[in-house]
């Protein structure tokens, strides 16, 4: 990779946008500039009505080996104190369904980034883990919240207290990823999930994602009443789909 190559690539096809971390020679380790590039893409996607699904992937041999420790040691900084964590929040809050395509390595900061997606699909050989403890670091990008939401408090503690690495198959068994497939089937598995999502109303998907997110901040009774009030209206293509059914 040349110094002037984009740190994150964007590719669009038929309503699906793929964002690719692009430091393959560094196993896509995350530096502040990676988050600047990613934030620019996410903000553009958020306002793009032609994008109905987003896939986050990594170039080369890995999804992401984590935070670039050289960047930490050199004192390289993001534009603001919590820029990286807030960028993952932006990813999580995208209106479109999002899929993390995992292969190779998915460690620590890379896992925190992947956990910002709605779905995680992993190659069976993927090595996944939280290594904050190995380096004497403390999570600030969401690991202590999003990992327990995925696997439960006890399993999250096991993974975080031990810095244990697990493969994609084990990750699927404990619910850390939604699906694990043989390495050679990863692209097909992601493509099938994208196709299933995009066969449905993009308007419905956007509204359902918002309703589920709203439910996290409301009590059960409030969430039920909130849904019944149709706070986001009905999808633009409802009449067309109902007529064509």
Foldseek 3Di string as FASTA:
>chain_A
DDPPDQQWDWDDDQQEIEIEGPPQVQLSADALSNLVSLLVVLVVQLPDPSHAEYEYAYPHQWRYQYHDVVNVVVVPDHPDDCSQLVSLVSLLLRLHAYEYQTGAEQEARSLLSRLSHPAYEYEQAYKYAYCCVVVVHDDDNQLQPSVCVQQNDVVSCVRHVVRDIDGPVVCCVRRVGVYYDHPVCRVVVVVVVVVVSVVDASQVSSQVSVLVVVPVVDDPVVSVVVVVVCPPPDGPCPVVVVVVD
